[in-house]
C-alpha atoms as a PDB file:
ATOM      1  CA  MET A   1      79.070 -57.258 129.281  1.00  0.00           C
ATOM      2  CA  ALA A   2      82.236 -59.369 129.580  1.00  0.00           C
ATOM      3  CA  GLY A   3      84.055 -56.983 127.235  1.00  0.00           C
ATOM      4  CA  ARG A   4      83.073 -54.025 129.380  1.00  0.00           C
ATOM      5  CA  ILE A   5      84.342 -55.783 132.511  1.00  0.00           C
ATOM      6  CA  ARG A   6      87.666 -56.631 130.827  1.00  0.00           C
ATOM      7  CA  THR A   7      88.019 -52.985 129.811  1.00  0.00           C
ATOM      8  CA  LEU A   8      87.401 -51.835 133.389  1.00  0.00           C
ATOM      9  CA  ILE A   9      89.928 -54.332 134.754  1.00  0.00           C
ATOM     10  CA  ALA A  10      92.535 -53.188 132.220  1.00  0.00           C
ATOM     11  CA  ARG A  11      91.884 -49.530 133.025  1.00  0.00           C
ATOM     12  CA  ASP A  12      92.137 -50.150 136.775  1.00  0.00           C
ATOM     13  CA  THR A  13      95.352 -52.131 136.304  1.00  0.00           C
ATOM     14  CA  TYR A  14      96.783 -49.278 134.217  1.00  0.00           C
ATOM     15  CA  TRP A  15      95.994 -46.732 136.958  1.00  0.00           C
ATOM     16  CA  LEU A  16      97.350 -49.037 139.664  1.00  0.00           C
ATOM     17  CA  GLY A  17     100.645 -49.252 137.776  1.00  0.00           C
ATOM     18  CA  GLN A  18     100.724 -45.481 137.291  1.00  0.00           C
ATOM     19  CA  ALA A  19     100.178 -44.986 141.040  1.00  0.00           C
ATOM     20  CA  GLN A  20     102.952 -47.461 141.805  1.00  0.00           C
ATOM     21  CA  LEU A  21     105.293 -45.519 139.513  1.00  0.00           C
ATOM     22  CA  ALA A  22     104.355 -42.251 141.209  1.00  0.00           C
ATOM     23  CA  LEU A  23     105.184 -43.839 144.564  1.00  0.00           C
ATOM     24  CA  GLY A  24     108.625 -44.893 143.307  1.00  0.00           C
ATOM     25  CA  ARG A  25     107.799 -48.601 143.103  1.00  0.00           C
ATOM     26  CA  PRO A  26     108.776 -49.542 139.528  1.00  0.00           C
ATOM     27  CA  ALA A  27     108.982 -53.302 140.183  1.00  0.00           C
ATOM     28  CA  GLU A  28     105.358 -53.330 141.328  1.00  0.00           C
ATOM     29  CA  ALA A  29     104.390 -51.134 138.372  1.00  0.00           C
ATOM     30  CA  GLU A  30     106.087 -53.571 136.011  1.00  0.00           C
ATOM     31  CA  ALA A  31     104.041 -56.435 137.461  1.00  0.00           C
ATOM     32  CA  SER A  32     100.848 -54.408 137.006  1.00  0.00           C
ATOM     33  CA  PHE A  33     101.786 -53.468 133.449  1.00  0.00           C
ATOM     34  CA  THR A  34     102.554 -57.109 132.624  1.00  0.00           C
ATOM     35  CA  GLU A  35      99.065 -57.997 133.859  1.00  0.00           C
ATOM     36  CA  LEU A  36      97.697 -55.072 131.838  1.00  0.00           C
ATOM     37  CA  ALA A  37      99.351 -56.375 128.664  1.00  0.00           C
ATOM     38  CA  ALA A  38      97.640 -59.741 129.170  1.00  0.00           C
ATOM     39  CA  CYS A  39      94.241 -58.075 129.708  1.00  0.00           C
ATOM     40  CA  ALA A  40      94.712 -55.612 126.873  1.00  0.00           C
ATOM     41  CA  ARG A  41      94.964 -58.294 124.210  1.00  0.00           C
ATOM     42  CA  ASN A  42      91.259 -58.933 124.727  1.00  0.00           C
ATOM     43  CA  ILE A  43      89.920 -55.384 124.601  1.00  0.00           C
ATOM     44  CA  GLY A  44      91.208 -53.955 121.332  1.00  0.00           C
ATOM     45  CA  SER A  45      92.687 -50.572 120.529  1.00  0.00           C
ATOM     46  CA  SER A  46      92.164 -48.846 123.864  1.00  0.00           C
ATOM     47  CA  GLY A  47      94.027 -51.715 125.523  1.00  0.00           C
ATOM     48  CA  THR A  48      96.867 -51.262 123.064  1.00  0.00           C
ATOM     49  CA  PHE A  49      97.009 -47.578 123.980  1.00  0.00           C
ATOM     50  CA  TYR A  50      97.060 -48.255 127.718  1.00  0.00           C
ATOM     51  CA  THR A  51      99.831 -50.813 127.249  1.00  0.00           C
ATOM     52  CA  ALA A  52     102.019 -48.540 125.093  1.00  0.00           C
ATOM     53  CA  HIS A  53     101.605 -45.598 127.451  1.00  0.00           C
ATOM     54  CA  ALA A  54     102.194 -47.700 130.564  1.00  0.00           C
ATOM     55  CA  TRP A  55     105.430 -49.228 129.274  1.00  0.00           C
ATOM     56  CA  GLY A  56     106.590 -45.834 128.025  1.00  0.00           C
ATOM     57  CA  CYS A  57     106.110 -44.386 131.511  1.00  0.00           C
ATOM     58  CA  LEU A  58     107.932 -47.320 133.108  1.00  0.00           C
ATOM     59  CA  HIS A  59     110.912 -46.955 130.762  1.00  0.00           C
ATOM     60  CA  LEU A  60     110.964 -43.215 131.463  1.00  0.00           C
ATOM     61  CA  ALA A  61     111.009 -43.849 135.226  1.00  0.00           C
ATOM     62  CA  ARG A  62     113.915 -46.259 134.762  1.00  0.00           C
ATOM     63  CA  GLY A  63     115.904 -43.779 132.687  1.00  0.00           C
ATOM     64  CA  GLU A  64     115.586 -45.914 129.539  1.00  0.00           C
ATOM     65  CA  TYR A  65     114.902 -42.881 127.390  1.00  0.00           C
ATOM     66  CA  ALA A  66     115.143 -44.340 123.879  1.00  0.00           C
ATOM     67  CA  GLU A  67     112.687 -47.122 124.688  1.00  0.00           C
ATOM     68  CA  ALA A  68     110.421 -44.715 126.590  1.00  0.00           C
ATOM     69  CA  ARG A  69     110.332 -42.395 123.593  1.00  0.00           C
ATOM     70  CA  ARG A  70     109.562 -45.275 121.214  1.00  0.00           C
ATOM     71  CA  ARG A  71     106.692 -46.577 123.340  1.00  0.00           C
ATOM     72  CA  LEU A  72     105.243 -43.112 123.983  1.00  0.00           C
ATOM     73  CA  LEU A  73     105.341 -42.264 120.265  1.00  0.00           C
ATOM     74  CA  GLU A  74     103.524 -45.544 119.639  1.00  0.00           C
ATOM     75  CA  GLY A  75     100.917 -44.416 122.170  1.00  0.00           C
ATOM     76  CA  VAL A  76     100.465 -41.098 120.336  1.00  0.00           C
ATOM     77  CA  GLU A  77      99.838 -42.918 117.060  1.00  0.00           C
ATOM     78  CA  ILE A  78      97.278 -45.220 118.662  1.00  0.00           C
ATOM     79  CA  ALA A  79      95.476 -42.379 120.453  1.00  0.00           C
ATOM     80  CA  HIS A  80      95.387 -40.334 117.264  1.00  0.00           C
ATOM     81  CA  ALA A  81      93.932 -43.293 115.357  1.00  0.00           C
ATOM     82  CA  LEU A  82      91.302 -43.730 118.092  1.00  0.00           C
ATOM     83  CA  HIS A  83      90.362 -40.039 117.740  1.00  0.00           C
ATOM     84  CA  ASP A  84      90.598 -39.699 121.508  1.00  0.00           C
ATOM     85  CA  PRO A  85      91.989 -36.292 122.492  1.00  0.00           C
ATOM     86  CA  MET A  86      92.251 -37.195 126.184  1.00  0.00           C
ATOM     87  CA  PHE A  87      94.388 -40.264 125.434  1.00  0.00           C
ATOM     88  CA  GLU A  88      96.448 -38.271 122.970  1.00  0.00           C
ATOM     89  CA  THR A  89      97.125 -35.442 125.400  1.00  0.00           C
ATOM     90  CA  ARG A  90      97.961 -37.802 128.265  1.00  0.00           C
ATOM     91  CA  VAL A  91     100.705 -39.444 126.241  1.00  0.00           C
ATOM     92  CA  LEU A  92     101.907 -36.209 124.629  1.00  0.00           C
ATOM     93  CA  ILE A  93     102.494 -34.685 128.055  1.00  0.00           C
ATOM     94  CA  ASP A  94     104.938 -37.487 128.879  1.00  0.00           C
ATOM     95  CA  LEU A  95     106.757 -36.890 125.597  1.00  0.00           C
ATOM     96  CA  LEU A  96     107.511 -33.326 126.735  1.00  0.00           C
ATOM     97  CA  ASP A  97     110.332 -34.577 128.956  1.00  0.00           C
ATOM     98  CA  ALA A  98     113.580 -33.050 127.646  1.00  0.00           C
ATOM     99  CA  ARG A  99     115.506 -36.206 128.607  1.00  0.00           C
ATOM    100  CA  LEU A 100     113.760 -38.009 125.754  1.00  0.00           C
ATOM    101  CA  HIS A 101     115.159 -35.711 123.088  1.00  0.00           C
ATOM    102  CA  GLY A 102     118.525 -34.767 121.702  1.00  0.00           C
ATOM    103  CA  PRO A 103     119.157 -31.220 120.467  1.00  0.00           C
ATOM    104  CA  ARG A 104     118.047 -32.109 116.935  1.00  0.00           C
ATOM    105  CA  ASP A 105     114.807 -33.647 118.219  1.00  0.00           C
ATOM    106  CA  LEU A 106     113.734 -30.670 120.338  1.00  0.00           C
ATOM    107  CA  PRO A 107     111.900 -28.791 117.545  1.00  0.00           C
ATOM    108  CA  ALA A 108     109.711 -31.832 116.806  1.00  0.00           C
ATOM    109  CA  ALA A 109     109.101 -32.349 120.533  1.00  0.00           C
ATOM    110  CA  ILE A 110     108.116 -28.698 120.911  1.00  0.00           C
ATOM    111  CA  GLY A 111     105.736 -29.097 117.968  1.00  0.00           C
ATOM    112  CA  ARG A 112     104.104 -32.076 119.697  1.00  0.00           C
ATOM    113  CA  GLY A 113     103.888 -29.958 122.854  1.00  0.00           C
ATOM    114  CA  GLU A 114     102.122 -27.178 121.004  1.00  0.00           C
ATOM    115  CA  ARG A 115      99.741 -29.789 119.591  1.00  0.00           C
ATOM    116  CA  ALA A 116      99.113 -31.050 123.134  1.00  0.00           C
ATOM    117  CA  VAL A 117      98.254 -27.509 124.262  1.00  0.00           C
ATOM    118  CA  GLU A 118      95.745 -27.182 121.398  1.00  0.00           C
ATOM    119  CA  VAL A 119      94.152 -30.520 122.230  1.00  0.00           C
ATOM    120  CA  ALA A 120      94.016 -29.748 125.972  1.00  0.00           C
ATOM    121  CA  ARG A 121      92.334 -26.409 125.246  1.00  0.00           C
ATOM    122  CA  GLY A 122      89.818 -28.186 123.013  1.00  0.00           C
ATOM    123  CA  ILE A 123      88.700 -30.656 125.664  1.00  0.00           C
ATOM    124  CA  ASP A 124      88.359 -27.962 128.336  1.00  0.00           C
ATOM    125  CA  TYR A 125      90.160 -29.826 131.107  1.00  0.00           C
ATOM    126  CA  PRO A 126      92.126 -27.213 133.084  1.00  0.00           C
ATOM    127  CA  TYR A 127      94.194 -29.672 135.143  1.00  0.00           C
ATOM    128  CA  LEU A 128      95.516 -31.246 131.971  1.00  0.00           C
ATOM    129  CA  LEU A 129      96.060 -27.880 130.274  1.00  0.00           C
ATOM    130  CA  ALA A 130      98.079 -26.575 133.227  1.00  0.00           C
ATOM    131  CA  GLY A 131     100.237 -29.705 133.213  1.00  0.00           C
ATOM    132  CA  VAL A 132     100.872 -29.498 129.481  1.00  0.00           C
ATOM    133  CA  LEU A 133     101.775 -25.808 129.715  1.00  0.00           C
ATOM    134  CA  GLU A 134     104.219 -26.502 132.559  1.00  0.00           C
ATOM    135  CA  LYS A 135     105.915 -29.373 130.732  1.00  0.00           C
ATOM    136  CA  LEU A 136     106.120 -27.371 127.498  1.00  0.00           C
ATOM    137  CA  ALA A 137     107.631 -24.465 129.467  1.00  0.00           C
ATOM    138  CA  ARG A 138     110.384 -26.773 130.763  1.00  0.00           C
ATOM    139  CA  LEU A 139     111.005 -28.124 127.273  1.00  0.00           C
ATOM    140  CA  ARG A 140     111.202 -24.605 125.805  1.00  0.00           C
ATOM    141  CA  ASP A 141     113.640 -23.669 128.565  1.00  0.00           C
ATOM    142  CA  ALA A 142     115.777 -26.731 127.754  1.00  0.00           C
ATOM    143  CA  ALA A 143     115.795 -25.565 124.125  1.00  0.00           C
ATOM    144  CA  GLY A 144     117.117 -22.153 125.229  1.00  0.00           C
ATOM    145  CA  ASP A 145     113.887 -20.209 124.738  1.00  0.00           C
ATOM    146  CA  ALA A 146     113.526 -18.662 128.201  1.00  0.00           C
ATOM    147  CA  THR A 147     111.084 -15.968 127.038  1.00  0.00           C
ATOM    148  CA  THR A 148     108.491 -18.401 125.707  1.00  0.00           C
ATOM    149  CA  ALA A 149     109.150 -20.730 128.643  1.00  0.00           C
ATOM    150  CA  GLY A 150     108.347 -17.908 131.059  1.00  0.00           C
ATOM    151  CA  ARG A 151     105.167 -16.994 129.204  1.00  0.00           C
ATOM    152  CA  LEU A 152     103.991 -20.627 129.246  1.00  0.00           C
ATOM    153  CA  ALA A 153     104.798 -21.002 132.955  1.00  0.00           C
ATOM    154  CA  ASP A 154     102.852 -17.824 133.701  1.00  0.00           C
ATOM    155  CA  GLU A 155      99.863 -19.095 131.740  1.00  0.00           C
ATOM    156  CA  ALA A 156     100.029 -22.423 133.592  1.00  0.00           C
ATOM    157  CA  ALA A 157      99.948 -20.530 136.906  1.00  0.00           C
ATOM    158  CA  VAL A 158      96.886 -18.567 135.772  1.00  0.00           C
ATOM    159  CA  VAL A 159      95.106 -21.777 134.747  1.00  0.00           C
ATOM    160  CA  ARG A 160      95.999 -23.435 138.066  1.00  0.00           C
ATOM    161  CA  GLY A 161      94.731 -20.332 139.896  1.00  0.00           C
ATOM    162  CA  ARG A 162      91.344 -20.688 138.216  1.00  0.00           C
ATOM    163  CA  ILE A 163      91.079 -24.311 139.330  1.00  0.00           C
ATOM    164  CA  ARG A 164      91.285 -23.513 143.021  1.00  0.00           C
END
């Protein structure tokens, strides 16, 4: 029971930090993620995932792209090892930010994006699929592939239309 409670506290702290980031309050998010890291040591692999993803998002928000990329890639590895497609897709979507990749890295990033689309389709979660398609469209556009970017953006709009 205590382990389950620690997991819930860590998960709530993760989401609190994510909300703080979304509201443009990175200092508060950092405090939440520091608390998360302390909680996560006691809950195993899922805690390690939450911590890696949280810090990756914080570094991304701060414009610390190399560190963000490193932490997000760590999150992908952990999620893959946990065999958790939702975790994996959540972190892959953040890796689809073109600011994280130089021109030579774009093909690998696009490959991860295509993997994220496959995973999102497999878990049948349209909100996530639409988000992945939109981010992959932006990444394809940054790589100079406007045709594929347009097709992906159109598909994302169709998926979003079905949600409403």
